[in-house]
Amino acid sequence: MYLDYAEDQTKRYRQIFMRDWRKKLDTFLKFNERDILDNPGKVSKEVADTLALEQYDIYNQHRLSIEAEREAIEDDLELEHIQKILKNKRKKQ
């Protein structure tokens, strides 16, 4: 929703400075009953990057296994189709 707001401001050629964006974001978060960070946090960039990559690896493995399963099902269906064609050809001979 916030990005939609930002896009709308851009389309309307509204000039907004970074300090204004921060205020708007804080207001938007408060409106949506979200907490606002008032410090940089305790996690270093390196730790955050490592955690993000670990989570991506988990997601990617899951995605690849789903793709492999889909491909196996498609292969099975294609094999069944070919077997039916061959069976029909044998019957005609």
PDB file of N, CA and C in Angstrom:
ATOM      1  N   MET A   1       0.825  -1.186   0.000  1.00  0.00           N
ATOM      2  CA  MET A   1       0.000   0.000   0.000  1.00  0.00           C
ATOM      3  C   MET A   1       0.872   1.254   0.000  1.00  0.00           C
ATOM      4  N   TYR A   2       1.966   1.172   0.762  1.00  0.00           N
ATOM      5  CA  TYR A   2       2.859   2.325   0.826  1.00  0.00           C
ATOM      6  C   TYR A   2       3.511   2.568  -0.533  1.00  0.00           C
ATOM      7  N   LEU A   3       3.891   1.479  -1.201  1.00  0.00           N
ATOM      8  CA  LEU A   3       4.502   1.625  -2.520  1.00  0.00           C
ATOM      9  C   LEU A   3       3.490   2.151  -3.535  1.00  0.00           C
ATOM     10  N   ASP A   4       2.239   1.750  -3.380  1.00  0.00           N
ATOM     11  CA  ASP A   4       1.185   2.302  -4.244  1.00  0.00           C
ATOM     12  C   ASP A   4       1.085   3.813  -4.037  1.00  0.00           C
ATOM     13  N   TYR A   5       1.147   4.223  -2.784  1.00  0.00           N
ATOM     14  CA  TYR A   5       1.107   5.652  -2.475  1.00  0.00           C
ATOM     15  C   TYR A   5       2.294   6.371  -3.127  1.00  0.00           C
ATOM     16  N   ALA A   6       3.489   5.774  -2.989  1.00  0.00           N
ATOM     17  CA  ALA A   6       4.682   6.389  -3.563  1.00  0.00           C
ATOM     18  C   ALA A   6       4.564   6.475  -5.085  1.00  0.00           C
ATOM     19  N   GLU A   7       4.058   5.422  -5.697  1.00  0.00           N
ATOM     20  CA  GLU A   7       3.880   5.426  -7.153  1.00  0.00           C
ATOM     21  C   GLU A   7       2.884   6.509  -7.576  1.00  0.00           C
ATOM     22  N   ASP A   8       1.813   6.642  -6.818  1.00  0.00           N
ATOM     23  CA  ASP A   8       0.821   7.667  -7.121  1.00  0.00           C
ATOM     24  C   ASP A   8       1.434   9.065  -7.035  1.00  0.00           C
ATOM     25  N   GLN A   9       2.260   9.291  -6.032  1.00  0.00           N
ATOM     26  CA  GLN A   9       2.905  10.596  -5.887  1.00  0.00           C
ATOM     27  C   GLN A   9       3.803  10.885  -7.088  1.00  0.00           C
ATOM     28  N   THR A  10       4.492   9.846  -7.552  1.00  0.00           N
ATOM     29  CA  THR A  10       5.377  10.003  -8.708  1.00  0.00           C
ATOM     30  C   THR A  10       4.574  10.323  -9.958  1.00  0.00           C
ATOM     31  N   LYS A  11       3.481   9.590 -10.158  1.00  0.00           N
ATOM     32  CA  LYS A  11       2.651   9.818 -11.344  1.00  0.00           C
ATOM     33  C   LYS A  11       2.053  11.222 -11.344  1.00  0.00           C
ATOM     34  N   ARG A  12       1.857  11.770 -10.148  1.00  0.00           N
ATOM     35  CA  ARG A  12       1.288  13.115 -10.032  1.00  0.00           C
ATOM     36  C   ARG A  12       2.381  14.192 -10.009  1.00  0.00           C
ATOM     37  N   TYR A  13       3.630  13.763 -10.244  1.00  0.00           N
ATOM     38  CA  TYR A  13       4.778  14.671 -10.277  1.00  0.00           C
ATOM     39  C   TYR A  13       4.932  15.466  -8.996  1.00  0.00           C
ATOM     40  N   ARG A  14       4.664  14.820  -7.863  1.00  0.00           N
ATOM     41  CA  ARG A  14       4.803  15.477  -6.558  1.00  0.00           C
ATOM     42  C   ARG A  14       6.230  15.285  -6.067  1.00  0.00           C
ATOM     43  N   GLN A  15       6.914  16.350  -5.800  1.00  0.00           N
ATOM     44  CA  GLN A  15       8.274  16.267  -5.304  1.00  0.00           C
ATOM     45  C   GLN A  15       8.234  16.069  -3.786  1.00  0.00           C
ATOM     46  N   ILE A  16       8.843  14.986  -3.331  1.00  0.00           N
ATOM     47  CA  ILE A  16       8.904  14.712  -1.898  1.00  0.00           C
ATOM     48  C   ILE A  16      10.346  14.354  -1.556  1.00  0.00           C
ATOM     49  N   PHE A  17      10.843  14.957  -0.509  1.00  0.00           N
ATOM     50  CA  PHE A  17      12.217  14.720  -0.088  1.00  0.00           C
ATOM     51  C   PHE A  17      12.277  13.519   0.854  1.00  0.00           C
ATOM     52  N   MET A  18      13.476  12.972   1.032  1.00  0.00           N
ATOM     53  CA  MET A  18      13.643  11.770   1.856  1.00  0.00           C
ATOM     54  C   MET A  18      13.095  11.969   3.270  1.00  0.00           C
ATOM     55  N   ARG A  19      13.297  13.120   3.884  1.00  0.00           N
ATOM     56  CA  ARG A  19      12.782  13.344   5.237  1.00  0.00           C
ATOM     57  C   ARG A  19      11.255  13.250   5.251  1.00  0.00           C
ATOM     58  N   ASP A  20      10.631  13.685   4.139  1.00  0.00           N
ATOM     59  CA  ASP A  20       9.178  13.606   4.032  1.00  0.00           C
ATOM     60  C   ASP A  20       8.724  12.153   3.875  1.00  0.00           C
ATOM     61  N   TRP A  21       9.486  11.394   3.090  1.00  0.00           N
ATOM     62  CA  TRP A  21       9.133   9.978   2.916  1.00  0.00           C
ATOM     63  C   TRP A  21       9.192   9.246   4.249  1.00  0.00           C
ATOM     64  N   ARG A  22      10.197   9.571   5.050  1.00  0.00           N
ATOM     65  CA  ARG A  22      10.325   8.916   6.360  1.00  0.00           C
ATOM     66  C   ARG A  22       9.111   9.243   7.244  1.00  0.00           C
ATOM     67  N   LYS A  23       8.721  10.496   7.257  1.00  0.00           N
ATOM     68  CA  LYS A  23       7.547  10.893   8.048  1.00  0.00           C
ATOM     69  C   LYS A  23       6.295  10.179   7.547  1.00  0.00           C
ATOM     70  N   LYS A  24       6.141  10.133   6.219  1.00  0.00           N
ATOM     71  CA  LYS A  24       4.968   9.461   5.638  1.00  0.00           C
ATOM     72  C   LYS A  24       4.962   7.977   5.990  1.00  0.00           C
ATOM     73  N   LEU A  25       6.146   7.358   5.935  1.00  0.00           N
ATOM     74  CA  LEU A  25       6.235   5.940   6.263  1.00  0.00           C
ATOM     75  C   LEU A  25       5.887   5.694   7.728  1.00  0.00           C
ATOM     76  N   ASP A  26       6.418   6.514   8.614  1.00  0.00           N
ATOM     77  CA  ASP A  26       6.087   6.374  10.037  1.00  0.00           C
ATOM     78  C   ASP A  26       4.582   6.532  10.260  1.00  0.00           C
ATOM     79  N   THR A  27       3.982   7.512   9.614  1.00  0.00           N
ATOM     80  CA  THR A  27       2.536   7.725   9.732  1.00  0.00           C
ATOM     81  C   THR A  27       1.766   6.527   9.192  1.00  0.00           C
ATOM     82  N   PHE A  28       2.220   6.007   8.059  1.00  0.00           N
ATOM     83  CA  PHE A  28       1.577   4.842   7.444  1.00  0.00           C
ATOM     84  C   PHE A  28       1.659   3.631   8.373  1.00  0.00           C
ATOM     85  N   LEU A  29       2.829   3.408   8.978  1.00  0.00           N
ATOM     86  CA  LEU A  29       2.994   2.278   9.894  1.00  0.00           C
ATOM     87  C   LEU A  29       2.117   2.432  11.132  1.00  0.00           C
ATOM     88  N   LYS A  30       2.061   3.629  11.677  1.00  0.00           N
ATOM     89  CA  LYS A  30       1.202   3.875  12.839  1.00  0.00           C
ATOM     90  C   LYS A  30      -0.265   3.620  12.488  1.00  0.00           C
ATOM     91  N   PHE A  31      -0.684   4.115  11.327  1.00  0.00           N
ATOM     92  CA  PHE A  31      -2.067   3.924  10.882  1.00  0.00           C
ATOM     93  C   PHE A  31      -2.416   2.430  10.797  1.00  0.00           C
ATOM     94  N   ASN A  32      -1.451   1.623  10.362  1.00  0.00           N
ATOM     95  CA  ASN A  32      -1.652   0.183  10.226  1.00  0.00           C
ATOM     96  C   ASN A  32      -1.294  -0.579  11.506  1.00  0.00           C
ATOM     97  N   GLU A  33      -1.167   0.156  12.603  1.00  0.00           N
ATOM     98  CA  GLU A  33      -0.889  -0.418  13.918  1.00  0.00           C
ATOM     99  C   GLU A  33       0.365  -1.291  13.919  1.00  0.00           C
ATOM    100  N   ARG A  34       1.421  -0.774  13.288  1.00  0.00           N
ATOM    101  CA  ARG A  34       2.712  -1.453  13.227  1.00  0.00           C
ATOM    102  C   ARG A  34       3.719  -0.696  14.080  1.00  0.00           C
ATOM    103  N   ASP A  35       4.684  -1.443  14.595  1.00  0.00           N
ATOM    104  CA  ASP A  35       5.747  -0.821  15.375  1.00  0.00           C
ATOM    105  C   ASP A  35       6.707  -0.085  14.444  1.00  0.00           C
ATOM    106  N   ILE A  36       7.284   0.974  14.961  1.00  0.00           N
ATOM    107  CA  ILE A  36       8.273   1.745  14.215  1.00  0.00           C
ATOM    108  C   ILE A  36       9.618   1.543  14.885  1.00  0.00           C
ATOM    109  N   LEU A  37      10.608   1.140  14.103  1.00  0.00           N
ATOM    110  CA  LEU A  37      11.948   0.948  14.649  1.00  0.00           C
ATOM    111  C   LEU A  37      12.540   2.311  14.994  1.00  0.00           C
ATOM    112  N   ASP A  38      13.084   2.407  16.194  1.00  0.00           N
ATOM    113  CA  ASP A  38      13.697   3.676  16.585  1.00  0.00           C
ATOM    114  C   ASP A  38      15.207   3.550  16.752  1.00  0.00           C
ATOM    115  N   ASN A  39      15.756   2.416  16.292  1.00  0.00           N
ATOM    116  CA  ASN A  39      17.203   2.212  16.329  1.00  0.00           C
ATOM    117  C   ASN A  39      17.581   1.280  15.181  1.00  0.00           C
ATOM    118  N   PRO A  40      18.872   1.149  14.908  1.00  0.00           N
ATOM    119  CA  PRO A  40      19.280   0.323  13.769  1.00  0.00           C
ATOM    120  C   PRO A  40      19.141  -1.186  14.017  1.00  0.00           C
ATOM    121  N   GLY A  41      18.814  -1.579  15.224  1.00  0.00           N
ATOM    122  CA  GLY A  41      18.664  -3.000  15.514  1.00  0.00           C
ATOM    123  C   GLY A  41      19.946  -3.630  16.012  1.00  0.00           C
ATOM    124  N   LYS A  42      19.893  -4.928  16.265  1.00  0.00           N
ATOM    125  CA  LYS A  42      21.037  -5.632  16.855  1.00  0.00           C
ATOM    126  C   LYS A  42      21.696  -6.606  15.898  1.00  0.00           C
ATOM    127  N   VAL A  43      21.110  -6.814  14.738  1.00  0.00           N
ATOM    128  CA  VAL A  43      21.634  -7.789  13.796  1.00  0.00           C
ATOM    129  C   VAL A  43      22.511  -7.084  12.768  1.00  0.00           C
ATOM    130  N   SER A  44      23.738  -7.589  12.602  1.00  0.00           N
ATOM    131  CA  SER A  44      24.636  -6.982  11.625  1.00  0.00           C
ATOM    132  C   SER A  44      24.195  -7.357  10.216  1.00  0.00           C
ATOM    133  N   LYS A  45      24.678  -6.606   9.259  1.00  0.00           N
ATOM    134  CA  LYS A  45      24.348  -6.879   7.863  1.00  0.00           C
ATOM    135  C   LYS A  45      24.809  -8.272   7.473  1.00  0.00           C
ATOM    136  N   GLU A  46      25.985  -8.662   7.931  1.00  0.00           N
ATOM    137  CA  GLU A  46      26.520  -9.980   7.582  1.00  0.00           C
ATOM    138  C   GLU A  46      25.613 -11.091   8.108  1.00  0.00           C
ATOM    139  N   VAL A  47      25.140 -10.950   9.338  1.00  0.00           N
ATOM    140  CA  VAL A  47      24.252 -11.954   9.917  1.00  0.00           C
ATOM    141  C   VAL A  47      22.924 -11.968   9.164  1.00  0.00           C
ATOM    142  N   ALA A  48      22.402 -10.795   8.869  1.00  0.00           N
ATOM    143  CA  ALA A  48      21.136 -10.703   8.140  1.00  0.00           C
ATOM    144  C   ALA A  48      21.274 -11.332   6.755  1.00  0.00           C
ATOM    145  N   ASP A  49      22.389 -11.060   6.073  1.00  0.00           N
ATOM    146  CA  ASP A  49      22.622 -11.654   4.756  1.00  0.00           C
ATOM    147  C   ASP A  49      22.684 -13.173   4.845  1.00  0.00           C
ATOM    148  N   THR A  50      23.379 -13.678   5.859  1.00  0.00           N
ATOM    149  CA  THR A  50      23.496 -15.134   6.049  1.00  0.00           C
ATOM    150  C   THR A  50      22.127 -15.748   6.293  1.00  0.00           C
ATOM    151  N   LEU A  51      21.348 -15.132   7.168  1.00  0.00           N
ATOM    152  CA  LEU A  51      20.000 -15.646   7.445  1.00  0.00           C
ATOM    153  C   LEU A  51      19.124 -15.611   6.193  1.00  0.00           C
ATOM    154  N   ALA A  52      19.219 -14.535   5.440  1.00  0.00           N
ATOM    155  CA  ALA A  52      18.423 -14.417   4.215  1.00  0.00           C
ATOM    156  C   ALA A  52      18.818 -15.495   3.211  1.00  0.00           C
ATOM    157  N   LEU A  53      20.109 -15.738   3.056  1.00  0.00           N
ATOM    158  CA  LEU A  53      20.556 -16.769   2.123  1.00  0.00           C
ATOM    159  C   LEU A  53      20.125 -18.164   2.580  1.00  0.00           C
ATOM    160  N   GLU A  54      20.166 -18.415   3.879  1.00  0.00           N
ATOM    161  CA  GLU A  54      19.711 -19.712   4.400  1.00  0.00           C
ATOM    162  C   GLU A  54      18.231 -19.912   4.102  1.00  0.00           C
ATOM    163  N   GLN A  55      17.435 -18.876   4.337  1.00  0.00           N
ATOM    164  CA  GLN A  55      16.003 -18.979   4.065  1.00  0.00           C
ATOM    165  C   GLN A  55      15.736 -19.144   2.572  1.00  0.00           C
ATOM    166  N   TYR A  56      16.524 -18.463   1.749  1.00  0.00           N
ATOM    167  CA  TYR A  56      16.356 -18.611   0.308  1.00  0.00           C
ATOM    168  C   TYR A  56      16.692 -20.033  -0.122  1.00  0.00           C
ATOM    169  N   ASP A  57      17.752 -20.605   0.443  1.00  0.00           N
ATOM    170  CA  ASP A  57      18.118 -21.992   0.106  1.00  0.00           C
ATOM    171  C   ASP A  57      16.987 -22.953   0.452  1.00  0.00           C
ATOM    172  N   ILE A  58      16.357 -22.750   1.602  1.00  0.00           N
ATOM    173  CA  ILE A  58      15.217 -23.598   1.998  1.00  0.00           C
ATOM    174  C   ILE A  58      14.085 -23.439   0.987  1.00  0.00           C
ATOM    175  N   TYR A  59      13.763 -22.201   0.660  1.00  0.00           N
ATOM    176  CA  TYR A  59      12.699 -21.924  -0.319  1.00  0.00           C
ATOM    177  C   TYR A  59      13.039 -22.542  -1.670  1.00  0.00           C
ATOM    178  N   ASN A  60      14.280 -22.348  -2.122  1.00  0.00           N
ATOM    179  CA  ASN A  60      14.678 -22.826  -3.437  1.00  0.00           C
ATOM    180  C   ASN A  60      14.638 -24.354  -3.515  1.00  0.00           C
ATOM    181  N   GLN A  61      15.079 -25.037  -2.468  1.00  0.00           N
ATOM    182  CA  GLN A  61      15.019 -26.500  -2.453  1.00  0.00           C
ATOM    183  C   GLN A  61      13.573 -26.968  -2.546  1.00  0.00           C
ATOM    184  N   HIS A  62      12.692 -26.303  -1.820  1.00  0.00           N
ATOM    185  CA  HIS A  62      11.272 -26.646  -1.863  1.00  0.00           C
ATOM    186  C   HIS A  62      10.719 -26.424  -3.269  1.00  0.00           C
ATOM    187  N   ARG A  63      11.065 -25.288  -3.862  1.00  0.00           N
ATOM    188  CA  ARG A  63      10.615 -24.970  -5.218  1.00  0.00           C
ATOM    189  C   ARG A  63      11.116 -26.006  -6.215  1.00  0.00           C
ATOM    190  N   LEU A  64      12.387 -26.381  -6.098  1.00  0.00           N
ATOM    191  CA  LEU A  64      12.958 -27.366  -7.019  1.00  0.00           C
ATOM    192  C   LEU A  64      12.299 -28.731  -6.860  1.00  0.00           C
ATOM    193  N   SER A  65      11.988 -29.118  -5.626  1.00  0.00           N
ATOM    194  CA  SER A  65      11.342 -30.414  -5.420  1.00  0.00           C
ATOM    195  C   SER A  65       9.932 -30.417  -6.004  1.00  0.00           C
ATOM    196  N   ILE A  66       9.226 -29.305  -5.887  1.00  0.00           N
ATOM    197  CA  ILE A  66       7.883 -29.197  -6.489  1.00  0.00           C
ATOM    198  C   ILE A  66       7.992 -29.276  -8.011  1.00  0.00           C
ATOM    199  N   GLU A  67       8.976 -28.576  -8.577  1.00  0.00           N
ATOM    200  CA  GLU A  67       9.179 -28.627 -10.030  1.00  0.00           C
ATOM    201  C   GLU A  67       9.492 -30.042 -10.484  1.00  0.00           C
ATOM    202  N   ALA A  68      10.370 -30.731  -9.755  1.00  0.00           N
ATOM    203  CA  ALA A  68      10.751 -32.101 -10.109  1.00  0.00           C
ATOM    204  C   ALA A  68       9.539 -33.022 -10.051  1.00  0.00           C
ATOM    205  N   GLU A  69       8.711 -32.837  -9.032  1.00  0.00           N
ATOM    206  CA  GLU A  69       7.507 -33.658  -8.907  1.00  0.00           C
ATOM    207  C   GLU A  69       6.559 -33.399 -10.071  1.00  0.00           C
ATOM    208  N   ARG A  70       6.383 -32.136 -10.427  1.00  0.00           N
ATOM    209  CA  ARG A  70       5.523 -31.782 -11.567  1.00  0.00           C
ATOM    210  C   ARG A  70       6.041 -32.407 -12.863  1.00  0.00           C
ATOM    211  N   GLU A  71       7.356 -32.303 -13.059  1.00  0.00           N
ATOM    212  CA  GLU A  71       7.949 -32.873 -14.268  1.00  0.00           C
ATOM    213  C   GLU A  71       7.774 -34.385 -14.298  1.00  0.00           C
ATOM    214  N   ALA A  72       7.910 -35.047 -13.158  1.00  0.00           N
ATOM    215  CA  ALA A  72       7.732 -36.497 -13.095  1.00  0.00           C
ATOM    216  C   ALA A  72       6.296 -36.869 -13.455  1.00  0.00           C
ATOM    217  N   ILE A  73       5.348 -36.107 -12.955  1.00  0.00           N
ATOM    218  CA  ILE A  73       3.939 -36.367 -13.270  1.00  0.00           C
ATOM    219  C   ILE A  73       3.691 -36.162 -14.762  1.00  0.00           C
ATOM    220  N   GLU A  74       4.242 -35.084 -15.310  1.00  0.00           N
ATOM    221  CA  GLU A  74       4.085 -34.826 -16.742  1.00  0.00           C
ATOM    222  C   GLU A  74       4.717 -35.942 -17.568  1.00  0.00           C
ATOM    223  N   ASP A  75       5.900 -36.411 -17.139  1.00  0.00           N
ATOM    224  CA  ASP A  75       6.563 -37.519 -17.836  1.00  0.00           C
ATOM    225  C   ASP A  75       5.711 -38.781 -17.783  1.00  0.00           C
ATOM    226  N   ASP A  76       5.138 -39.054 -16.615  1.00  0.00           N
ATOM    227  CA  ASP A  76       4.268 -40.231 -16.481  1.00  0.00           C
ATOM    228  C   ASP A  76       3.064 -40.133 -17.412  1.00  0.00           C
ATOM    229  N   LEU A  77       2.448 -38.956 -17.470  1.00  0.00           N
ATOM    230  CA  LEU A  77       1.296 -38.762 -18.350  1.00  0.00           C
ATOM    231  C   LEU A  77       1.681 -38.931 -19.817  1.00  0.00           C
ATOM    232  N   GLU A  78       2.838 -38.403 -20.182  1.00  0.00           N
ATOM    233  CA  GLU A  78       3.302 -38.533 -21.563  1.00  0.00           C
ATOM    234  C   GLU A  78       3.595 -39.994 -21.896  1.00  0.00           C
ATOM    235  N   LEU A  79       4.207 -40.708 -20.966  1.00  0.00           N
ATOM    236  CA  LEU A  79       4.493 -42.130 -21.166  1.00  0.00           C
ATOM    237  C   LEU A  79       3.193 -42.922 -21.343  1.00  0.00           C
ATOM    238  N   GLU A  80       2.199 -42.636 -20.507  1.00  0.00           N
ATOM    239  CA  GLU A  80       0.902 -43.309 -20.639  1.00  0.00           C
ATOM    240  C   GLU A  80       0.288 -43.028 -22.008  1.00  0.00           C
ATOM    241  N   HIS A  81       0.403 -41.795 -22.457  1.00  0.00           N
ATOM    242  CA  HIS A  81      -0.141 -41.415 -23.758  1.00  0.00           C
ATOM    243  C   HIS A  81       0.565 -42.194 -24.877  1.00  0.00           C
ATOM    244  N   ILE A  82       1.873 -42.277 -24.805  1.00  0.00           N
ATOM    245  CA  ILE A  82       2.644 -43.015 -25.817  1.00  0.00           C
ATOM    246  C   ILE A  82       2.281 -44.496 -25.782  1.00  0.00           C
ATOM    247  N   GLN A  83       2.128 -45.051 -24.586  1.00  0.00           N
ATOM    248  CA  GLN A  83       1.761 -46.461 -24.463  1.00  0.00           C
ATOM    249  C   GLN A  83       0.387 -46.727 -25.080  1.00  0.00           C
ATOM    250  N   LYS A  84      -0.554 -45.807 -24.895  1.00  0.00           N
ATOM    251  CA  LYS A  84      -1.875 -45.960 -25.499  1.00  0.00           C
ATOM    252  C   LYS A  84      -1.779 -45.937 -27.022  1.00  0.00           C
ATOM    253  N   ILE A  85      -0.982 -45.018 -27.550  1.00  0.00           N
ATOM    254  CA  ILE A  85      -0.805 -44.922 -29.001  1.00  0.00           C
ATOM    255  C   ILE A  85      -0.227 -46.226 -29.544  1.00  0.00           C
ATOM    256  N   LEU A  86       0.813 -46.736 -28.872  1.00  0.00           N
ATOM    257  CA  LEU A  86       1.437 -47.990 -29.314  1.00  0.00           C
ATOM    258  C   LEU A  86       0.459 -49.159 -29.218  1.00  0.00           C
ATOM    259  N   LYS A  87      -0.325 -49.191 -28.167  1.00  0.00           N
ATOM    260  CA  LYS A  87      -1.310 -50.253 -27.978  1.00  0.00           C
ATOM    261  C   LYS A  87      -2.332 -50.209 -29.112  1.00  0.00           C
ATOM    262  N   ASN A  88      -2.803 -49.023 -29.454  1.00  0.00           N
ATOM    263  CA  ASN A  88      -3.768 -48.865 -30.538  1.00  0.00           C
ATOM    264  C   ASN A  88      -3.171 -49.286 -31.884  1.00  0.00           C
ATOM    265  N   LYS A  89      -1.890 -48.995 -32.137  1.00  0.00           N
ATOM    266  CA  LYS A  89      -1.228 -49.377 -33.370  1.00  0.00           C
ATOM    267  C   LYS A  89      -1.121 -50.898 -33.460  1.00  0.00           C
ATOM    268  N   ARG A  90      -0.812 -51.548 -32.341  1.00  0.00           N
ATOM    269  CA  ARG A  90      -0.710 -53.014 -32.320  1.00  0.00           C
ATOM    270  C   ARG A  90      -2.052 -53.665 -32.608  1.00  0.00           C
ATOM    271  N   LYS A  91      -3.118 -53.068 -32.087  1.00  0.00           N
ATOM    272  CA  LYS A  91      -4.459 -53.606 -32.314  1.00  0.00           C
ATOM    273  C   LYS A  91      -4.826 -53.534 -33.797  1.00  0.00           C
ATOM    274  N   LYS A  92      -4.399 -52.443 -34.439  1.00  0.00           N
ATOM    275  CA  LYS A  92      -4.733 -52.254 -35.851  1.00  0.00           C
ATOM    276  C   LYS A  92      -3.957 -53.200 -36.755  1.00  0.00           C
ATOM    277  N   GLN A  93      -2.820 -53.678 -36.298  1.00  0.00           N
ATOM    278  CA  GLN A  93      -1.998 -54.562 -37.128  1.00  0.00           C
ATOM    279  C   GLN A  93      -2.528 -55.918 -37.053  1.00  0.00           C
TER     280      GLN A  93
END
